[in-house]
Full PDB file with SEQRES, HELIX, SHEET, SSBOND, CRYST1, ORIGX, SCALE, CONECT and MASTER records, all heavy atoms in Angstrom:
SEQRES   1 A   41  PRO LYS LYS LYS ASP TRP ARG LYS GLN HIS GLU ASP PHE          
SEQRES   2 A   41  ILE ASN THR VAL ARG ALA ALA LYS GLY MET ASP GLY TYR          
SEQRES   3 A   41  GLU ALA PRO PRO LEU ASP THR SER ASP TYR GLU GLN CYS          
SEQRES   4 A   41  PRO HIS                                                      
HELIX    1 AA1 TRP A    6  LYS A   21  1                                  16    
CRYST1    1.000    1.000    1.000  90.00  90.00  90.00 P 1           1          
ORIGX1      1.000000  0.000000  0.000000        0.00000                         
ORIGX2      0.000000  1.000000  0.000000        0.00000                         
ORIGX3      0.000000  0.000000  1.000000        0.00000                         
SCALE1      1.000000  0.000000  0.000000        0.00000                         
SCALE2      0.000000  1.000000  0.000000        0.00000                         
SCALE3      0.000000  0.000000  1.000000        0.00000                         
ATOM      1  N   PRO A   1     -36.599 122.688  49.581  1.00  0.00           N  
ATOM      2  CA  PRO A   1     -35.770 122.242  48.467  1.00  0.00           C  
ATOM      3  C   PRO A   1     -36.641 121.733  47.324  1.00  0.00           C  
ATOM      4  O   PRO A   1     -37.753 121.255  47.532  1.00  0.00           O  
ATOM      5  CB  PRO A   1     -34.927 121.115  49.071  1.00  0.00           C  
ATOM      6  CG  PRO A   1     -35.682 120.662  50.263  1.00  0.00           C  
ATOM      7  CD  PRO A   1     -36.462 121.842  50.752  1.00  0.00           C  
ATOM      8  N   LYS A   2     -36.089 121.837  46.105  1.00  0.00           N  
ATOM      9  CA  LYS A   2     -36.830 121.367  44.935  1.00  0.00           C  
ATOM     10  C   LYS A   2     -36.992 119.857  45.016  1.00  0.00           C  
ATOM     11  O   LYS A   2     -36.107 119.144  45.491  1.00  0.00           O  
ATOM     12  CB  LYS A   2     -36.074 121.729  43.657  1.00  0.00           C  
ATOM     13  CG  LYS A   2     -35.941 123.212  43.433  1.00  0.00           C  
ATOM     14  CD  LYS A   2     -35.082 123.486  42.205  1.00  0.00           C  
ATOM     15  CE  LYS A   2     -34.834 124.955  42.028  1.00  0.00           C  
ATOM     16  NZ  LYS A   2     -33.908 125.228  40.920  1.00  0.00           N  
ATOM     17  N   LYS A   3     -38.140 119.377  44.531  1.00  0.00           N  
ATOM     18  CA  LYS A   3     -38.368 117.937  44.530  1.00  0.00           C  
ATOM     19  C   LYS A   3     -37.481 117.294  43.471  1.00  0.00           C  
ATOM     20  O   LYS A   3     -37.376 117.783  42.355  1.00  0.00           O  
ATOM     21  CB  LYS A   3     -39.836 117.629  44.237  1.00  0.00           C  
ATOM     22  CG  LYS A   3     -40.747 117.932  45.395  1.00  0.00           C  
ATOM     23  CD  LYS A   3     -42.118 117.354  45.136  1.00  0.00           C  
ATOM     24  CE  LYS A   3     -42.997 117.522  46.349  1.00  0.00           C  
ATOM     25  NZ  LYS A   3     -44.308 116.901  46.158  1.00  0.00           N  
ATOM     26  N   LYS A   4     -36.864 116.211  43.857  1.00  0.00           N  
ATOM     27  CA  LYS A   4     -35.980 115.508  42.942  1.00  0.00           C  
ATOM     28  C   LYS A   4     -36.724 114.314  42.359  1.00  0.00           C  
ATOM     29  O   LYS A   4     -37.579 113.724  42.999  1.00  0.00           O  
ATOM     30  CB  LYS A   4     -34.724 115.038  43.675  1.00  0.00           C  
ATOM     31  CG  LYS A   4     -33.882 116.183  44.188  1.00  0.00           C  
ATOM     32  CD  LYS A   4     -32.641 115.692  44.849  1.00  0.00           C  
ATOM     33  CE  LYS A   4     -31.799 116.854  45.328  1.00  0.00           C  
ATOM     34  NZ  LYS A   4     -30.600 116.420  46.017  1.00  0.00           N  
ATOM     35  N   ASP A   5     -36.360 113.988  41.116  1.00  0.00           N  
ATOM     36  CA  ASP A   5     -36.950 112.835  40.449  1.00  0.00           C  
ATOM     37  C   ASP A   5     -36.169 111.607  40.884  1.00  0.00           C  
ATOM     38  O   ASP A   5     -35.167 111.226  40.265  1.00  0.00           O  
ATOM     39  CB  ASP A   5     -36.901 113.033  38.926  1.00  0.00           C  
ATOM     40  CG  ASP A   5     -37.660 111.953  38.189  1.00  0.00           C  
ATOM     41  OD1 ASP A   5     -38.329 111.136  38.863  1.00  0.00           O  
ATOM     42  OD2 ASP A   5     -37.579 111.913  36.952  1.00  0.00           O  
ATOM     43  N   TRP A   6     -36.613 110.972  41.960  1.00  0.00           N  
ATOM     44  CA  TRP A   6     -35.848 109.875  42.542  1.00  0.00           C  
ATOM     45  C   TRP A   6     -35.839 108.645  41.635  1.00  0.00           C  
ATOM     46  O   TRP A   6     -34.888 107.865  41.651  1.00  0.00           O  
ATOM     47  CB  TRP A   6     -36.373 109.526  43.927  1.00  0.00           C  
ATOM     48  CG  TRP A   6     -37.788 109.020  43.948  1.00  0.00           C  
ATOM     49  CD1 TRP A   6     -38.911 109.750  44.091  1.00  0.00           C  
ATOM     50  CD2 TRP A   6     -38.210 107.652  43.804  1.00  0.00           C  
ATOM     51  NE1 TRP A   6     -40.011 108.954  44.043  1.00  0.00           N  
ATOM     52  CE2 TRP A   6     -39.611 107.650  43.870  1.00  0.00           C  
ATOM     53  CE3 TRP A   6     -37.549 106.446  43.611  1.00  0.00           C  
ATOM     54  CZ2 TRP A   6     -40.365 106.490  43.759  1.00  0.00           C  
ATOM     55  CZ3 TRP A   6     -38.303 105.291  43.514  1.00  0.00           C  
ATOM     56  CH2 TRP A   6     -39.688 105.309  43.584  1.00  0.00           C  
ATOM     57  N   ARG A   7     -36.893 108.450  40.843  1.00  0.00           N  
ATOM     58  CA  ARG A   7     -36.914 107.292  39.935  1.00  0.00           C  
ATOM     59  C   ARG A   7     -35.786 107.393  38.901  1.00  0.00           C  
ATOM     60  O   ARG A   7     -35.086 106.421  38.623  1.00  0.00           O  
ATOM     61  CB  ARG A   7     -38.266 107.203  39.228  1.00  0.00           C  
ATOM     62  CG  ARG A   7     -39.325 106.560  40.057  1.00  0.00           C  
ATOM     63  CD  ARG A   7     -40.508 106.120  39.192  1.00  0.00           C  
ATOM     64  NE  ARG A   7     -41.499 105.489  40.034  1.00  0.00           N  
ATOM     65  CZ  ARG A   7     -42.557 106.093  40.537  1.00  0.00           C  
ATOM     66  NH1 ARG A   7     -42.767 107.356  40.282  1.00  0.00           N  
ATOM     67  NH2 ARG A   7     -43.400 105.440  41.304  1.00  0.00           N  
ATOM     68  N   LYS A   8     -35.650 108.603  38.335  1.00  0.00           N  
ATOM     69  CA  LYS A   8     -34.603 108.806  37.327  1.00  0.00           C  
ATOM     70  C   LYS A   8     -33.229 108.656  37.969  1.00  0.00           C  
ATOM     71  O   LYS A   8     -32.327 108.036  37.392  1.00  0.00           O  
ATOM     72  CB  LYS A   8     -34.737 110.195  36.692  1.00  0.00           C  
ATOM     73  CG  LYS A   8     -33.779 110.427  35.534  1.00  0.00           C  
ATOM     74  CD  LYS A   8     -34.015 111.778  34.919  1.00  0.00           C  
ATOM     75  CE  LYS A   8     -33.132 112.052  33.741  1.00  0.00           C  
ATOM     76  NZ  LYS A   8     -31.731 111.794  33.919  1.00  0.00           N  
ATOM     77  N   GLN A   9     -33.060 109.200  39.175  1.00  0.00           N  
ATOM     78  CA  GLN A   9     -31.779 109.059  39.867  1.00  0.00           C  
ATOM     79  C   GLN A   9     -31.467 107.580  40.131  1.00  0.00           C  
ATOM     80  O   GLN A   9     -30.323 107.144  39.991  1.00  0.00           O  
ATOM     81  CB  GLN A   9     -31.808 109.815  41.197  1.00  0.00           C  
ATOM     82  CG  GLN A   9     -31.670 111.309  41.058  1.00  0.00           C  
ATOM     83  CD  GLN A   9     -31.649 111.991  42.420  1.00  0.00           C  
ATOM     84  OE1 GLN A   9     -32.133 111.455  43.409  1.00  0.00           O  
ATOM     85  NE2 GLN A   9     -31.092 113.180  42.452  1.00  0.00           N  
ATOM     86  N   HIS A  10     -32.490 106.815  40.510  1.00  0.00           N  
ATOM     87  CA  HIS A  10     -32.303 105.397  40.808  1.00  0.00           C  
ATOM     88  C   HIS A  10     -31.887 104.632  39.550  1.00  0.00           C  
ATOM     89  O   HIS A  10     -30.950 103.824  39.583  1.00  0.00           O  
ATOM     90  CB  HIS A  10     -33.602 104.829  41.384  1.00  0.00           C  
ATOM     91  CG  HIS A  10     -33.551 103.373  41.696  1.00  0.00           C  
ATOM     92  ND1 HIS A  10     -32.764 102.867  42.701  1.00  0.00           N  
ATOM     93  CD2 HIS A  10     -34.184 102.317  41.143  1.00  0.00           C  
ATOM     94  CE1 HIS A  10     -32.918 101.558  42.751  1.00  0.00           C  
ATOM     95  NE2 HIS A  10     -33.782 101.193  41.810  1.00  0.00           N  
ATOM     96  N   GLU A  11     -32.577 104.910  38.444  1.00  0.00           N  
ATOM     97  CA  GLU A  11     -32.238 104.240  37.186  1.00  0.00           C  
ATOM     98  C   GLU A  11     -30.821 104.611  36.729  1.00  0.00           C  
ATOM     99  O   GLU A  11     -30.064 103.752  36.271  1.00  0.00           O  
ATOM    100  CB  GLU A  11     -33.251 104.589  36.108  1.00  0.00           C  
ATOM    101  CG  GLU A  11     -34.613 103.958  36.338  1.00  0.00           C  
ATOM    102  CD  GLU A  11     -35.684 104.501  35.398  1.00  0.00           C  
ATOM    103  OE1 GLU A  11     -35.343 105.294  34.492  1.00  0.00           O  
ATOM    104  OE2 GLU A  11     -36.850 104.125  35.581  1.00  0.00           O  
ATOM    105  N   ASP A  12     -30.450 105.881  36.843  1.00  0.00           N  
ATOM    106  CA  ASP A  12     -29.100 106.322  36.473  1.00  0.00           C  
ATOM    107  C   ASP A  12     -28.049 105.625  37.329  1.00  0.00           C  
ATOM    108  O   ASP A  12     -26.988 105.225  36.834  1.00  0.00           O  
ATOM    109  CB  ASP A  12     -28.962 107.839  36.618  1.00  0.00           C  
ATOM    110  CG  ASP A  12     -29.733 108.605  35.553  1.00  0.00           C  
ATOM    111  OD1 ASP A  12     -30.181 107.966  34.575  1.00  0.00           O  
ATOM    112  OD2 ASP A  12     -29.896 109.833  35.710  1.00  0.00           O  
ATOM    113  N   PHE A  13     -28.341 105.479  38.619  1.00  0.00           N  
ATOM    114  CA  PHE A  13     -27.402 104.819  39.530  1.00  0.00           C  
ATOM    115  C   PHE A  13     -27.206 103.356  39.126  1.00  0.00           C  
ATOM    116  O   PHE A  13     -26.071 102.864  39.068  1.00  0.00           O  
ATOM    117  CB  PHE A  13     -27.909 104.921  40.972  1.00  0.00           C  
ATOM    118  CG  PHE A  13     -27.068 104.195  41.964  1.00  0.00           C  
ATOM    119  CD1 PHE A  13     -25.811 104.651  42.303  1.00  0.00           C  
ATOM    120  CD2 PHE A  13     -27.526 103.027  42.559  1.00  0.00           C  
ATOM    121  CE1 PHE A  13     -25.033 103.987  43.218  1.00  0.00           C  
ATOM    122  CE2 PHE A  13     -26.754 102.345  43.468  1.00  0.00           C  
ATOM    123  CZ  PHE A  13     -25.502 102.821  43.808  1.00  0.00           C  
ATOM    124  N   ILE A  14     -28.313 102.665  38.833  1.00  0.00           N  
ATOM    125  CA  ILE A  14     -28.227 101.255  38.434  1.00  0.00           C  
ATOM    126  C   ILE A  14     -27.432 101.121  37.136  1.00  0.00           C  
ATOM    127  O   ILE A  14     -26.555 100.249  37.003  1.00  0.00           O  
ATOM    128  CB  ILE A  14     -29.629 100.639  38.291  1.00  0.00           C  
ATOM    129  CG1 ILE A  14     -30.260 100.510  39.685  1.00  0.00           C  
ATOM    130  CG2 ILE A  14     -29.586  99.287  37.596  1.00  0.00           C  
ATOM    131  CD1 ILE A  14     -31.703 100.092  39.672  1.00  0.00           C  
ATOM    132  N   ASN A  15     -27.716 102.019  36.178  1.00  0.00           N  
ATOM    133  CA  ASN A  15     -26.979 101.970  34.906  1.00  0.00           C  
ATOM    134  C   ASN A  15     -25.490 102.258  35.100  1.00  0.00           C  
ATOM    135  O   ASN A  15     -24.635 101.654  34.438  1.00  0.00           O  
ATOM    136  CB  ASN A  15     -27.581 102.945  33.893  1.00  0.00           C  
ATOM    137  CG  ASN A  15     -28.946 102.499  33.422  1.00  0.00           C  
ATOM    138  OD1 ASN A  15     -29.284 101.316  33.486  1.00  0.00           O  
ATOM    139  ND2 ASN A  15     -29.746 103.429  32.943  1.00  0.00           N  
ATOM    140  N   THR A  16     -25.154 103.183  35.991  1.00  0.00           N  
ATOM    141  CA  THR A  16     -23.755 103.508  36.278  1.00  0.00           C  
ATOM    142  C   THR A  16     -23.041 102.303  36.881  1.00  0.00           C  
ATOM    143  O   THR A  16     -21.908 101.973  36.503  1.00  0.00           O  
ATOM    144  CB  THR A  16     -23.657 104.712  37.228  1.00  0.00           C  
ATOM    145  OG1 THR A  16     -24.367 105.801  36.668  1.00  0.00           O  
ATOM    146  CG2 THR A  16     -22.223 105.119  37.494  1.00  0.00           C  
ATOM    147  N   VAL A  17     -23.697 101.612  37.815  1.00  0.00           N  
ATOM    148  CA  VAL A  17     -23.100 100.438  38.459  1.00  0.00           C  
ATOM    149  C   VAL A  17     -22.897  99.331  37.435  1.00  0.00           C  
ATOM    150  O   VAL A  17     -21.838  98.680  37.390  1.00  0.00           O  
ATOM    151  CB  VAL A  17     -23.976  99.959  39.635  1.00  0.00           C  
ATOM    152  CG1 VAL A  17     -23.500  98.616  40.162  1.00  0.00           C  
ATOM    153  CG2 VAL A  17     -23.963 100.988  40.747  1.00  0.00           C  
ATOM    154  N   ARG A  18     -23.916  99.101  36.576  1.00  0.00           N  
ATOM    155  CA  ARG A  18     -23.798  98.046  35.572  1.00  0.00           C  
ATOM    156  C   ARG A  18     -22.703  98.369  34.551  1.00  0.00           C  
ATOM    157  O   ARG A  18     -21.985  97.477  34.095  1.00  0.00           O  
ATOM    158  CB  ARG A  18     -25.142  97.846  34.880  1.00  0.00           C  
ATOM    159  CG  ARG A  18     -26.141  97.148  35.782  1.00  0.00           C  
ATOM    160  CD  ARG A  18     -27.467  96.959  35.122  1.00  0.00           C  
ATOM    161  NE  ARG A  18     -28.402  96.298  36.031  1.00  0.00           N  
ATOM    162  CZ  ARG A  18     -29.697  96.266  35.866  1.00  0.00           C  
ATOM    163  NH1 ARG A  18     -30.255  96.868  34.815  1.00  0.00           N  
ATOM    164  NH2 ARG A  18     -30.463  95.647  36.732  1.00  0.00           N  
ATOM    165  N   ALA A  19     -22.589  99.667  34.197  1.00  0.00           N  
ATOM    166  CA  ALA A  19     -21.531 100.065  33.266  1.00  0.00           C  
ATOM    167  C   ALA A  19     -20.157  99.891  33.898  1.00  0.00           C  
ATOM    168  O   ALA A  19     -19.188  99.492  33.236  1.00  0.00           O  
ATOM    169  CB  ALA A  19     -21.729 101.516  32.832  1.00  0.00           C  
ATOM    170  N   ALA A  20     -20.050 100.148  35.202  1.00  0.00           N  
ATOM    171  CA  ALA A  20     -18.771  99.991  35.904  1.00  0.00           C  
ATOM    172  C   ALA A  20     -18.378  98.520  36.007  1.00  0.00           C  
ATOM    173  O   ALA A  20     -17.193  98.182  35.994  1.00  0.00           O  
ATOM    174  CB  ALA A  20     -18.861 100.612  37.293  1.00  0.00           C  
ATOM    175  N   LYS A  21     -19.377  97.635  36.087  1.00  0.00           N  
ATOM    176  CA  LYS A  21     -19.091  96.198  36.152  1.00  0.00           C  
ATOM    177  C   LYS A  21     -18.687  95.650  34.785  1.00  0.00           C  
ATOM    178  O   LYS A  21     -18.201  94.526  34.689  1.00  0.00           O  
ATOM    179  CB  LYS A  21     -20.329  95.444  36.650  1.00  0.00           C  
ATOM    180  CG  LYS A  21     -20.578  95.589  38.129  1.00  0.00           C  
ATOM    181  CD  LYS A  21     -21.775  94.761  38.528  1.00  0.00           C  
ATOM    182  CE  LYS A  21     -22.019  94.824  40.021  1.00  0.00           C  
ATOM    183  NZ  LYS A  21     -23.192  94.033  40.412  1.00  0.00           N  
ATOM    184  N   GLY A  22     -18.951  96.435  33.742  1.00  0.00           N  
ATOM    185  CA  GLY A  22     -18.583  95.995  32.401  1.00  0.00           C  
ATOM    186  C   GLY A  22     -19.666  95.176  31.728  1.00  0.00           C  
ATOM    187  O   GLY A  22     -19.371  94.396  30.821  1.00  0.00           O  
ATOM    188  N   MET A  23     -20.886  95.303  32.131  1.00  0.00           N  
ATOM    189  CA  MET A  23     -21.975  94.557  31.508  1.00  0.00           C  
ATOM    190  C   MET A  23     -22.239  95.126  30.120  1.00  0.00           C  
ATOM    191  O   MET A  23     -22.160  96.330  29.902  1.00  0.00           O  
ATOM    192  CB  MET A  23     -23.242  94.633  32.371  1.00  0.00           C  
ATOM    193  CG  MET A  23     -23.081  94.000  33.740  1.00  0.00           C  
ATOM    194  SD  MET A  23     -24.565  94.134  34.719  1.00  0.00           S  
ATOM    195  CE  MET A  23     -25.340  92.602  34.355  1.00  0.00           C  
ATOM    196  N   ASP A  24     -22.565  94.246  29.191  1.00  0.00           N  
ATOM    197  CA  ASP A  24     -22.806  94.657  27.811  1.00  0.00           C  
ATOM    198  C   ASP A  24     -24.103  95.447  27.695  1.00  0.00           C  
ATOM    199  O   ASP A  24     -25.116  95.106  28.302  1.00  0.00           O  
ATOM    200  CB  ASP A  24     -22.880  93.421  26.896  1.00  0.00           C  
ATOM    201  CG  ASP A  24     -21.540  92.711  26.797  1.00  0.00           C  
ATOM    202  OD1 ASP A  24     -20.522  93.393  26.983  1.00  0.00           O  
ATOM    203  OD2 ASP A  24     -21.534  91.491  26.532  1.00  0.00           O  
ATOM    204  N   GLY A  25     -24.087  96.508  26.895  1.00  0.00           N  
ATOM    205  CA  GLY A  25     -25.291  97.295  26.607  1.00  0.00           C  
ATOM    206  C   GLY A  25     -25.551  98.429  27.595  1.00  0.00           C  
ATOM    207  O   GLY A  25     -26.566  99.120  27.490  1.00  0.00           O  
ATOM    208  N   TYR A  26     -24.699  98.616  28.574  1.00  0.00           N  
ATOM    209  CA  TYR A  26     -24.919  99.681  29.564  1.00  0.00           C  
ATOM    210  C   TYR A  26     -23.795 100.695  29.485  1.00  0.00           C  
ATOM    211  O   TYR A  26     -22.621 100.343  29.441  1.00  0.00           O  
ATOM    212  CB  TYR A  26     -24.992  99.112  30.985  1.00  0.00           C  
ATOM    213  CG  TYR A  26     -26.262  98.306  31.228  1.00  0.00           C  
ATOM    214  CD1 TYR A  26     -26.228  96.924  31.174  1.00  0.00           C  
ATOM    215  CD2 TYR A  26     -27.456  98.944  31.483  1.00  0.00           C  
ATOM    216  CE1 TYR A  26     -27.371  96.177  31.388  1.00  0.00           C  
ATOM    217  CE2 TYR A  26     -28.607  98.202  31.700  1.00  0.00           C  
ATOM    218  CZ  TYR A  26     -28.561  96.823  31.640  1.00  0.00           C  
ATOM    219  OH  TYR A  26     -29.701  96.105  31.845  1.00  0.00           O  
ATOM    220  N   GLU A  27     -24.201 101.978  29.461  1.00  0.00           N  
ATOM    221  CA  GLU A  27     -23.244 103.077  29.499  1.00  0.00           C  
ATOM    222  C   GLU A  27     -23.585 103.967  30.675  1.00  0.00           C  
ATOM    223  O   GLU A  27     -24.746 104.098  31.056  1.00  0.00           O  
ATOM    224  CB  GLU A  27     -23.326 103.902  28.206  1.00  0.00           C  
ATOM    225  CG  GLU A  27     -22.813 103.189  26.979  1.00  0.00           C  
ATOM    226  CD  GLU A  27     -22.867 104.095  25.760  1.00  0.00           C  
ATOM    227  OE1 GLU A  27     -22.988 105.334  25.923  1.00  0.00           O  
ATOM    228  OE2 GLU A  27     -22.792 103.563  24.650  1.00  0.00           O  
ATOM    229  N   ALA A  28     -22.564 104.567  31.220  1.00  0.00           N  
ATOM    230  CA  ALA A  28     -22.802 105.488  32.339  1.00  0.00           C  
ATOM    231  C   ALA A  28     -23.544 106.714  31.816  1.00  0.00           C  
ATOM    232  O   ALA A  28     -23.091 107.351  30.860  1.00  0.00           O  
ATOM    233  CB  ALA A  28     -21.487 105.896  32.979  1.00  0.00           C  
ATOM    234  N   PRO A  29     -24.703 107.040  32.397  1.00  0.00           N  
ATOM    235  CA  PRO A  29     -25.446 108.214  31.921  1.00  0.00           C  
ATOM    236  C   PRO A  29     -24.731 109.501  32.307  1.00  0.00           C  
ATOM    237  O   PRO A  29     -23.998 109.552  33.302  1.00  0.00           O  
ATOM    238  CB  PRO A  29     -26.782 108.104  32.640  1.00  0.00           C  
ATOM    239  CG  PRO A  29     -26.511 107.292  33.847  1.00  0.00           C  
ATOM    240  CD  PRO A  29     -25.375 106.374  33.490  1.00  0.00           C  
ATOM    241  N   PRO A  30     -24.925 110.567  31.519  1.00  0.00           N  
ATOM    242  CA  PRO A  30     -24.289 111.841  31.885  1.00  0.00           C  
ATOM    243  C   PRO A  30     -24.920 112.397  33.168  1.00  0.00           C  
ATOM    244  O   PRO A  30     -26.097 112.160  33.452  1.00  0.00           O  
ATOM    245  CB  PRO A  30     -24.591 112.752  30.690  1.00  0.00           C  
ATOM    246  CG  PRO A  30     -25.798 112.159  30.055  1.00  0.00           C  
ATOM    247  CD  PRO A  30     -25.730 110.680  30.313  1.00  0.00           C  
ATOM    248  N   LEU A  31     -24.137 113.111  33.928  1.00  0.00           N  
ATOM    249  CA  LEU A  31     -24.647 113.694  35.170  1.00  0.00           C  
ATOM    250  C   LEU A  31     -25.654 114.792  34.858  1.00  0.00           C  
ATOM    251  O   LEU A  31     -25.425 115.628  33.970  1.00  0.00           O  
ATOM    252  CB  LEU A  31     -23.504 114.273  36.003  1.00  0.00           C  
ATOM    253  CG  LEU A  31     -22.538 113.259  36.612  1.00  0.00           C  
ATOM    254  CD1 LEU A  31     -21.403 113.999  37.292  1.00  0.00           C  
ATOM    255  CD2 LEU A  31     -23.253 112.362  37.592  1.00  0.00           C  
ATOM    256  N   ASP A  32     -26.759 114.803  35.606  1.00  0.00           N  
ATOM    257  CA  ASP A  32     -27.795 115.826  35.417  1.00  0.00           C  
ATOM    258  C   ASP A  32     -27.535 116.962  36.401  1.00  0.00           C  
ATOM    259  O   ASP A  32     -27.725 116.811  37.605  1.00  0.00           O  
ATOM    260  CB  ASP A  32     -29.182 115.227  35.649  1.00  0.00           C  
ATOM    261  CG  ASP A  32     -30.288 116.249  35.454  1.00  0.00           C  
ATOM    262  OD1 ASP A  32     -30.080 117.209  34.688  1.00  0.00           O  
ATOM    263  OD2 ASP A  32     -31.362 116.085  36.075  1.00  0.00           O  
ATOM    264  N   THR A  33     -27.078 118.089  35.895  1.00  0.00           N  
ATOM    265  CA  THR A  33     -26.796 119.251  36.748  1.00  0.00           C  
ATOM    266  C   THR A  33     -27.740 120.402  36.426  1.00  0.00           C  
ATOM    267  O   THR A  33     -27.379 121.563  36.571  1.00  0.00           O  
ATOM    268  CB  THR A  33     -25.336 119.702  36.563  1.00  0.00           C  
ATOM    269  OG1 THR A  33     -25.146 120.023  35.186  1.00  0.00           O  
ATOM    270  CG2 THR A  33     -24.362 118.627  37.001  1.00  0.00           C  
ATOM    271  N   SER A  34     -28.961 120.071  35.986  1.00  0.00           N  
ATOM    272  CA  SER A  34     -29.901 121.121  35.597  1.00  0.00           C  
ATOM    273  C   SER A  34     -30.389 121.935  36.796  1.00  0.00           C  
ATOM    274  O   SER A  34     -30.786 123.086  36.649  1.00  0.00           O  
ATOM    275  CB  SER A  34     -31.097 120.513  34.866  1.00  0.00           C  
ATOM    276  OG  SER A  34     -31.769 119.597  35.709  1.00  0.00           O  
ATOM    277  N   ASP A  35     -30.363 121.332  37.986  1.00  0.00           N  
ATOM    278  CA  ASP A  35     -30.832 122.055  39.162  1.00  0.00           C  
ATOM    279  C   ASP A  35     -29.702 122.777  39.893  1.00  0.00           C  
ATOM    280  O   ASP A  35     -29.918 123.369  40.946  1.00  0.00           O  
ATOM    281  CB  ASP A  35     -31.556 121.110  40.116  1.00  0.00           C  
ATOM    282  CG  ASP A  35     -30.671 119.988  40.624  1.00  0.00           C  
ATOM    283  OD1 ASP A  35     -29.675 119.680  39.945  1.00  0.00           O  
ATOM    284  OD2 ASP A  35     -30.984 119.423  41.695  1.00  0.00           O  
ATOM    285  N   TYR A  36     -28.502 122.773  39.353  1.00  0.00           N  
ATOM    286  CA  TYR A  36     -27.369 123.448  39.980  1.00  0.00           C  
ATOM    287  C   TYR A  36     -27.436 124.954  39.711  1.00  0.00           C  
ATOM    288  O   TYR A  36     -27.932 125.393  38.688  1.00  0.00           O  
ATOM    289  CB  TYR A  36     -26.050 122.909  39.443  1.00  0.00           C  
ATOM    290  CG  TYR A  36     -25.640 121.565  40.025  1.00  0.00           C  
ATOM    291  CD1 TYR A  36     -26.549 120.747  40.676  1.00  0.00           C  
ATOM    292  CD2 TYR A  36     -24.335 121.125  39.917  1.00  0.00           C  
ATOM    293  CE1 TYR A  36     -26.179 119.534  41.206  1.00  0.00           C  
ATOM    294  CE2 TYR A  36     -23.955 119.900  40.437  1.00  0.00           C  
ATOM    295  CZ  TYR A  36     -24.880 119.108  41.081  1.00  0.00           C  
ATOM    296  OH  TYR A  36     -24.503 117.907  41.606  1.00  0.00           O  
ATOM    297  N   GLU A  37     -26.925 125.728  40.680  1.00  0.00           N  
ATOM    298  CA  GLU A  37     -26.875 127.188  40.534  1.00  0.00           C  
ATOM    299  C   GLU A  37     -25.442 127.598  40.184  1.00  0.00           C  
ATOM    300  O   GLU A  37     -24.489 127.069  40.750  1.00  0.00           O  
ATOM    301  CB  GLU A  37     -27.291 127.865  41.842  1.00  0.00           C  
ATOM    302  CG  GLU A  37     -28.729 127.621  42.222  1.00  0.00           C  
ATOM    303  CD  GLU A  37     -29.101 128.289  43.543  1.00  0.00           C  
ATOM    304  OE1 GLU A  37     -28.483 129.322  43.877  1.00  0.00           O  
ATOM    305  OE2 GLU A  37     -29.980 127.771  44.224  1.00  0.00           O  
ATOM    306  N   GLN A  38     -25.329 128.566  39.258  1.00  0.00           N  
ATOM    307  CA  GLN A  38     -23.996 129.012  38.842  1.00  0.00           C  
ATOM    308  C   GLN A  38     -23.576 130.199  39.691  1.00  0.00           C  
ATOM    309  O   GLN A  38     -24.354 131.125  39.929  1.00  0.00           O  
ATOM    310  CB  GLN A  38     -24.000 129.401  37.367  1.00  0.00           C  
ATOM    311  CG  GLN A  38     -22.620 129.679  36.833  1.00  0.00           C  
ATOM    312  CD  GLN A  38     -22.614 129.804  35.325  1.00  0.00           C  
ATOM    313  OE1 GLN A  38     -23.662 129.835  34.702  1.00  0.00           O  
ATOM    314  NE2 GLN A  38     -21.421 129.882  34.750  1.00  0.00           N  
ATOM    315  N   CYS A  39     -22.336 130.164  40.145  1.00  0.00           N  
ATOM    316  CA  CYS A  39     -21.782 131.266  40.933  1.00  0.00           C  
ATOM    317  C   CYS A  39     -21.525 132.444  39.993  1.00  0.00           C  
ATOM    318  O   CYS A  39     -20.869 132.288  38.963  1.00  0.00           O  
ATOM    319  CB  CYS A  39     -20.493 130.830  41.607  1.00  0.00           C  
ATOM    320  SG  CYS A  39     -19.670 132.161  42.493  1.00  0.00           S  
ATOM    321  N   PRO A  40     -22.006 133.651  40.322  1.00  0.00           N  
ATOM    322  CA  PRO A  40     -21.784 134.801  39.443  1.00  0.00           C  
ATOM    323  C   PRO A  40     -20.340 135.301  39.462  1.00  0.00           C  
ATOM    324  O   PRO A  40     -19.935 136.057  38.583  1.00  0.00           O  
ATOM    325  CB  PRO A  40     -22.734 135.864  40.004  1.00  0.00           C  
ATOM    326  CG  PRO A  40     -22.958 135.479  41.414  1.00  0.00           C  
ATOM    327  CD  PRO A  40     -22.852 133.986  41.472  1.00  0.00           C  
ATOM    328  N   HIS A  41     -19.544 134.868  40.438  1.00  0.00           N  
ATOM    329  CA  HIS A  41     -18.176 135.370  40.576  1.00  0.00           C  
ATOM    330  C   HIS A  41     -17.147 134.483  39.870  1.00  0.00           C  
ATOM    331  O   HIS A  41     -16.271 134.979  39.181  1.00  0.00           O  
ATOM    332  CB  HIS A  41     -17.822 135.513  42.054  1.00  0.00           C  
ATOM    333  CG  HIS A  41     -18.844 136.294  42.815  1.00  0.00           C  
ATOM    334  ND1 HIS A  41     -19.041 137.639  42.634  1.00  0.00           N  
ATOM    335  CD2 HIS A  41     -19.759 135.904  43.733  1.00  0.00           C  
ATOM    336  CE1 HIS A  41     -20.021 138.047  43.423  1.00  0.00           C  
ATOM    337  NE2 HIS A  41     -20.476 137.016  44.103  1.00  0.00           N  
TER     338      HIS A  41                                                      
MASTER        0    0    0    1    0    0    0    6  337    1    0    4          
END                                                                             
């Protein structure tokens, strides 16, 4: 499997949790689907 950038995933997770709690200055980051494969059908 392709190596994942775990640091970036960890930071995104923390930001998502803080945004869900309603903390000021934090927004949920967009999902990174660059490693996803598209179905041809």
